[in-house]
Amino acid sequence: MKQLEALNEQLLETLHQLEKMSAEDESADKLVSKLLEKVRQRQVLLNALVVEPTEDCRAYLEKQFDLTKVFVEKSNIIQSEIQALLHAANKNKRQINVYKAIDLDR
């Protein structure tokens, strides 16, 4: 369980770093990969707890479920911010291409 607690802290720290970071920053991709790996590790540890549930594990798993909800909420916020930035970047590229096309027609 200590390993899971440490992993939860690492996940929270990684999410916090992603919240602070610009989506255009190249290191954001590395952090997302790190986040995915930590999520996989967490899933393995949680699956091990589910295999042999006890009454003590039940309360602990409920706490982990609540923590999972927090992770999902933070991840969704970060994902929407990144998608909004990507959409804005694509819109800007289209506008630039329109202006280039108009300039070529002159």
N, C-alpha and C. Protein backbone atom coordinates (compact mmCIF):
# COMPACT_ATOMS: atom_id res chain seq x y z
N MET A 1 0.82 -1.19 0.00
CA MET A 1 0.00 0.00 0.00
C MET A 1 0.86 1.26 0.00
N LYS A 2 2.05 1.16 0.58
CA LYS A 2 2.95 2.31 0.57
C LYS A 2 3.38 2.65 -0.85
N GLN A 3 3.55 1.61 -1.65
CA GLN A 3 3.95 1.82 -3.05
C GLN A 3 2.83 2.57 -3.79
N LEU A 4 1.60 2.21 -3.51
CA LEU A 4 0.45 2.86 -4.14
C LEU A 4 0.35 4.32 -3.68
N GLU A 5 0.59 4.57 -2.41
CA GLU A 5 0.55 5.94 -1.90
C GLU A 5 1.62 6.80 -2.57
N ALA A 6 2.83 6.24 -2.72
CA ALA A 6 3.91 6.98 -3.38
C ALA A 6 3.54 7.26 -4.84
N LEU A 7 2.95 6.29 -5.49
CA LEU A 7 2.54 6.44 -6.88
C LEU A 7 1.45 7.51 -7.02
N ASN A 8 0.52 7.53 -6.07
CA ASN A 8 -0.52 8.56 -6.08
C ASN A 8 0.09 9.95 -5.96
N GLU A 9 1.08 10.10 -5.11
CA GLU A 9 1.75 11.39 -4.96
C GLU A 9 2.44 11.79 -6.26
N GLN A 10 3.08 10.82 -6.91
CA GLN A 10 3.75 11.10 -8.18
C GLN A 10 2.73 11.52 -9.25
N LEU A 11 1.59 10.86 -9.26
CA LEU A 11 0.54 11.22 -10.21
C LEU A 11 0.04 12.64 -9.97
N LEU A 12 -0.20 12.98 -8.72
CA LEU A 12 -0.66 14.33 -8.40
C LEU A 12 0.38 15.37 -8.79
N GLU A 13 1.64 15.07 -8.54
CA GLU A 13 2.72 16.00 -8.90
C GLU A 13 2.81 16.17 -10.42
N THR A 14 2.70 15.08 -11.15
CA THR A 14 2.76 15.15 -12.61
C THR A 14 1.58 15.95 -13.16
N LEU A 15 0.39 15.72 -12.62
CA LEU A 15 -0.78 16.49 -13.05
C LEU A 15 -0.60 17.97 -12.72
N HIS A 16 -0.04 18.26 -11.57
CA HIS A 16 0.20 19.65 -11.18
C HIS A 16 1.20 20.32 -12.14
N GLN A 17 2.23 19.58 -12.51
CA GLN A 17 3.21 20.13 -13.46
C GLN A 17 2.56 20.39 -14.82
N LEU A 18 1.70 19.49 -15.25
CA LEU A 18 1.00 19.66 -16.53
C LEU A 18 0.06 20.86 -16.49
N GLU A 19 -0.56 21.10 -15.35
CA GLU A 19 -1.45 22.25 -15.22
C GLU A 19 -0.68 23.56 -15.38
N LYS A 20 0.52 23.60 -14.84
CA LYS A 20 1.34 24.80 -14.90
C LYS A 20 1.95 25.03 -16.28
N MET A 21 2.20 23.95 -17.01
CA MET A 21 2.97 23.99 -18.25
C MET A 21 2.11 24.39 -19.44
N SER A 22 2.73 25.05 -20.36
CA SER A 22 2.06 25.39 -21.62
C SER A 22 1.96 24.13 -22.47
N ALA A 23 0.85 23.98 -23.15
CA ALA A 23 0.65 22.80 -23.99
C ALA A 23 1.62 22.78 -25.15
N GLU A 24 2.14 23.94 -25.51
CA GLU A 24 3.08 24.03 -26.62
C GLU A 24 4.49 23.62 -26.21
N ASP A 25 4.72 23.49 -24.93
CA ASP A 25 6.02 23.09 -24.42
C ASP A 25 6.27 21.62 -24.78
N GLU A 26 7.44 21.35 -25.35
CA GLU A 26 7.74 19.97 -25.79
C GLU A 26 7.84 19.00 -24.62
N SER A 27 8.22 19.49 -23.47
CA SER A 27 8.33 18.59 -22.31
C SER A 27 6.96 18.14 -21.82
N ALA A 28 5.89 18.81 -22.26
CA ALA A 28 4.54 18.38 -21.89
C ALA A 28 4.25 16.99 -22.45
N ASP A 29 4.75 16.70 -23.64
CA ASP A 29 4.56 15.36 -24.22
C ASP A 29 5.22 14.29 -23.36
N LYS A 30 6.40 14.61 -22.86
CA LYS A 30 7.11 13.66 -21.99
C LYS A 30 6.35 13.45 -20.69
N LEU A 31 5.80 14.54 -20.17
CA LEU A 31 5.03 14.41 -18.92
C LEU A 31 3.76 13.59 -19.13
N VAL A 32 3.12 13.75 -20.27
CA VAL A 32 1.92 12.96 -20.56
C VAL A 32 2.28 11.48 -20.65
N SER A 33 3.41 11.17 -21.28
CA SER A 33 3.86 9.78 -21.36
C SER A 33 4.15 9.23 -19.97
N LYS A 34 4.79 10.05 -19.15
CA LYS A 34 5.09 9.66 -17.77
C LYS A 34 3.79 9.42 -17.01
N LEU A 35 2.82 10.30 -17.22
CA LEU A 35 1.53 10.17 -16.55
C LEU A 35 0.84 8.86 -16.94
N LEU A 36 0.86 8.54 -18.22
CA LEU A 36 0.24 7.29 -18.68
C LEU A 36 0.91 6.07 -18.06
N GLU A 37 2.22 6.10 -17.95
CA GLU A 37 2.95 4.98 -17.35
C GLU A 37 2.59 4.84 -15.87
N LYS A 38 2.49 5.96 -15.17
CA LYS A 38 2.12 5.92 -13.75
C LYS A 38 0.69 5.40 -13.57
N VAL A 39 -0.20 5.77 -14.47
CA VAL A 39 -1.58 5.29 -14.40
C VAL A 39 -1.61 3.77 -14.60
N ARG A 40 -0.80 3.28 -15.55
CA ARG A 40 -0.73 1.82 -15.76
C ARG A 40 -0.22 1.11 -14.51
N GLN A 41 0.83 1.66 -13.91
CA GLN A 41 1.38 1.07 -12.69
C GLN A 41 0.35 1.07 -11.57
N ARG A 42 -0.39 2.15 -11.46
CA ARG A 42 -1.42 2.26 -10.42
C ARG A 42 -2.50 1.22 -10.64
N GLN A 43 -2.88 1.01 -11.88
CA GLN A 43 -3.91 0.02 -12.19
C GLN A 43 -3.47 -1.38 -11.78
N VAL A 44 -2.21 -1.70 -12.02
CA VAL A 44 -1.68 -3.01 -11.64
C VAL A 44 -1.75 -3.19 -10.12
N LEU A 45 -1.36 -2.15 -9.39
CA LEU A 45 -1.39 -2.23 -7.92
C LEU A 45 -2.83 -2.34 -7.40
N LEU A 46 -3.73 -1.60 -8.01
CA LEU A 46 -5.14 -1.69 -7.58
C LEU A 46 -5.73 -3.05 -7.90
N ASN A 47 -5.37 -3.60 -9.05
CA ASN A 47 -5.86 -4.94 -9.40
C ASN A 47 -5.39 -5.98 -8.40
N ALA A 48 -4.17 -5.82 -7.90
CA ALA A 48 -3.65 -6.75 -6.90
C ALA A 48 -4.47 -6.66 -5.60
N LEU A 49 -4.92 -5.48 -5.25
CA LEU A 49 -5.75 -5.33 -4.05
C LEU A 49 -7.13 -5.92 -4.23
N VAL A 50 -7.66 -5.85 -5.43
CA VAL A 50 -9.01 -6.33 -5.70
C VAL A 50 -9.07 -7.85 -5.70
N VAL A 51 -7.97 -8.49 -6.01
CA VAL A 51 -7.94 -9.95 -6.09
C VAL A 51 -8.30 -10.58 -4.75
N GLU A 52 -7.78 -10.04 -3.66
CA GLU A 52 -8.05 -10.58 -2.34
C GLU A 52 -8.66 -9.50 -1.44
N PRO A 53 -9.91 -9.13 -1.70
CA PRO A 53 -10.50 -8.06 -0.90
C PRO A 53 -10.77 -8.50 0.54
N THR A 54 -10.42 -7.63 1.46
CA THR A 54 -10.76 -7.83 2.87
C THR A 54 -11.53 -6.59 3.30
N GLU A 55 -12.01 -6.61 4.53
CA GLU A 55 -12.77 -5.45 5.01
C GLU A 55 -11.88 -4.20 5.07
N ASP A 56 -10.61 -4.39 5.43
CA ASP A 56 -9.67 -3.26 5.45
C ASP A 56 -9.43 -2.74 4.04
N CYS A 57 -9.34 -3.66 3.10
CA CYS A 57 -9.11 -3.26 1.70
C CYS A 57 -10.30 -2.50 1.14
N ARG A 58 -11.48 -2.83 1.62
CA ARG A 58 -12.68 -2.17 1.08
C ARG A 58 -12.62 -0.66 1.32
N ALA A 59 -12.32 -0.26 2.53
CA ALA A 59 -12.23 1.17 2.85
C ALA A 59 -11.09 1.82 2.07
N TYR A 60 -10.00 1.11 1.96
CA TYR A 60 -8.85 1.64 1.23
C TYR A 60 -9.18 1.79 -0.25
N LEU A 61 -9.86 0.81 -0.81
CA LEU A 61 -10.24 0.87 -2.22
C LEU A 61 -11.25 1.99 -2.48
N GLU A 62 -12.14 2.22 -1.52
CA GLU A 62 -13.09 3.33 -1.68
C GLU A 62 -12.33 4.67 -1.70
N LYS A 63 -11.32 4.78 -0.85
CA LYS A 63 -10.49 5.98 -0.84
C LYS A 63 -9.77 6.14 -2.18
N GLN A 64 -9.28 5.03 -2.70
CA GLN A 64 -8.58 5.06 -3.99
C GLN A 64 -9.54 5.41 -5.13
N PHE A 65 -10.77 4.95 -5.03
CA PHE A 65 -11.78 5.29 -6.03
C PHE A 65 -12.04 6.79 -6.03
N ASP A 66 -12.16 7.37 -4.84
CA ASP A 66 -12.36 8.82 -4.75
C ASP A 66 -11.16 9.57 -5.32
N LEU A 67 -9.97 9.07 -5.07
CA LEU A 67 -8.76 9.68 -5.60
C LEU A 67 -8.73 9.56 -7.13
N THR A 68 -9.22 8.45 -7.64
CA THR A 68 -9.29 8.26 -9.09
C THR A 68 -10.19 9.33 -9.71
N LYS A 69 -11.29 9.64 -9.05
CA LYS A 69 -12.19 10.69 -9.55
C LYS A 69 -11.46 12.03 -9.63
N VAL A 70 -10.63 12.32 -8.63
CA VAL A 70 -9.85 13.56 -8.63
C VAL A 70 -8.89 13.56 -9.81
N PHE A 71 -8.21 12.42 -10.04
CA PHE A 71 -7.28 12.31 -11.16
C PHE A 71 -8.01 12.55 -12.49
N VAL A 72 -9.18 11.96 -12.63
CA VAL A 72 -9.94 12.09 -13.87
C VAL A 72 -10.36 13.54 -14.09
N GLU A 73 -10.83 14.19 -13.04
CA GLU A 73 -11.24 15.59 -13.16
C GLU A 73 -10.08 16.47 -13.60
N LYS A 74 -8.93 16.31 -12.94
CA LYS A 74 -7.75 17.12 -13.29
C LYS A 74 -7.31 16.82 -14.72
N SER A 75 -7.32 15.55 -15.10
CA SER A 75 -6.91 15.17 -16.45
C SER A 75 -7.84 15.76 -17.50
N ASN A 76 -9.14 15.75 -17.22
CA ASN A 76 -10.11 16.30 -18.17
C ASN A 76 -9.91 17.80 -18.35
N ILE A 77 -9.60 18.50 -17.27
CA ILE A 77 -9.34 19.94 -17.36
C ILE A 77 -8.13 20.21 -18.24
N ILE A 78 -7.06 19.46 -17.99
CA ILE A 78 -5.83 19.63 -18.77
C ILE A 78 -6.09 19.29 -20.23
N GLN A 79 -6.82 18.21 -20.48
CA GLN A 79 -7.12 17.79 -21.85
C GLN A 79 -7.92 18.86 -22.59
N SER A 80 -8.92 19.45 -21.92
CA SER A 80 -9.70 20.48 -22.62
C SER A 80 -8.87 21.72 -22.92
N GLU A 81 -7.97 22.08 -22.02
CA GLU A 81 -7.10 23.23 -22.28
C GLU A 81 -6.20 22.97 -23.48
N ILE A 82 -5.65 21.78 -23.55
CA ILE A 82 -4.76 21.43 -24.67
C ILE A 82 -5.55 21.40 -25.97
N GLN A 83 -6.74 20.82 -25.94
CA GLN A 83 -7.56 20.78 -27.15
C GLN A 83 -7.94 22.18 -27.61
N ALA A 84 -8.24 23.07 -26.67
CA ALA A 84 -8.58 24.44 -27.04
C ALA A 84 -7.39 25.13 -27.69
N LEU A 85 -6.20 24.92 -27.16
CA LEU A 85 -5.00 25.51 -27.76
C LEU A 85 -4.73 24.95 -29.15
N LEU A 86 -4.91 23.65 -29.30
CA LEU A 86 -4.70 23.04 -30.62
C LEU A 86 -5.72 23.56 -31.62
N HIS A 87 -6.96 23.72 -31.18
CA HIS A 87 -8.00 24.25 -32.07
C HIS A 87 -7.66 25.67 -32.49
N ALA A 88 -7.21 26.47 -31.54
CA ALA A 88 -6.84 27.86 -31.85
C ALA A 88 -5.66 27.90 -32.82
N ALA A 89 -4.69 27.01 -32.60
CA ALA A 89 -3.53 26.97 -33.49
C ALA A 89 -3.95 26.59 -34.91
N ASN A 90 -4.82 25.60 -35.03
CA ASN A 90 -5.30 25.19 -36.35
C ASN A 90 -6.09 26.31 -37.03
N LYS A 91 -6.89 27.02 -36.25
CA LYS A 91 -7.66 28.13 -36.80
C LYS A 91 -6.73 29.22 -37.31
N ASN A 92 -5.68 29.51 -36.54
CA ASN A 92 -4.70 30.52 -36.96
C ASN A 92 -3.98 30.10 -38.24
N LYS A 93 -3.64 28.82 -38.34
CA LYS A 93 -2.98 28.33 -39.56
C LYS A 93 -3.89 28.48 -40.78
N ARG A 94 -5.17 28.17 -40.61
CA ARG A 94 -6.11 28.33 -41.72
C ARG A 94 -6.21 29.78 -42.14
N GLN A 95 -6.26 30.68 -41.16
CA GLN A 95 -6.34 32.10 -41.48
C GLN A 95 -5.09 32.57 -42.23
N ILE A 96 -3.94 32.10 -41.80
CA ILE A 96 -2.69 32.47 -42.48
C ILE A 96 -2.71 31.95 -43.91
N ASN A 97 -3.17 30.72 -44.09
CA ASN A 97 -3.25 30.15 -45.44
C ASN A 97 -4.20 30.94 -46.33
N VAL A 98 -5.30 31.42 -45.77
CA VAL A 98 -6.25 32.24 -46.53
C VAL A 98 -5.57 33.53 -46.96
N TYR A 99 -4.86 34.17 -46.05
CA TYR A 99 -4.17 35.41 -46.39
C TYR A 99 -3.08 35.17 -47.43
N LYS A 100 -2.39 34.04 -47.34
CA LYS A 100 -1.37 33.71 -48.35
C LYS A 100 -2.03 33.52 -49.72
N ALA A 101 -3.16 32.86 -49.73
CA ALA A 101 -3.87 32.63 -50.99
C ALA A 101 -4.34 33.95 -51.59
N ILE A 102 -4.83 34.84 -50.75
CA ILE A 102 -5.26 36.16 -51.24
C ILE A 102 -4.08 36.93 -51.79
N ASP A 103 -2.95 36.85 -51.09
CA ASP A 103 -1.74 37.56 -51.53
C ASP A 103 -1.23 37.00 -52.86
N LEU A 104 -1.33 35.70 -53.07
CA LEU A 104 -0.88 35.09 -54.32
C LEU A 104 -1.75 35.50 -55.49
N ASP A 105 -3.03 35.75 -55.21
CA ASP A 105 -3.94 36.15 -56.29
C ASP A 105 -3.72 37.58 -56.77
N ARG A 106 -2.98 38.34 -56.05
CA ARG A 106 -2.76 39.74 -56.45
C ARG A 106 -1.83 39.86 -57.59
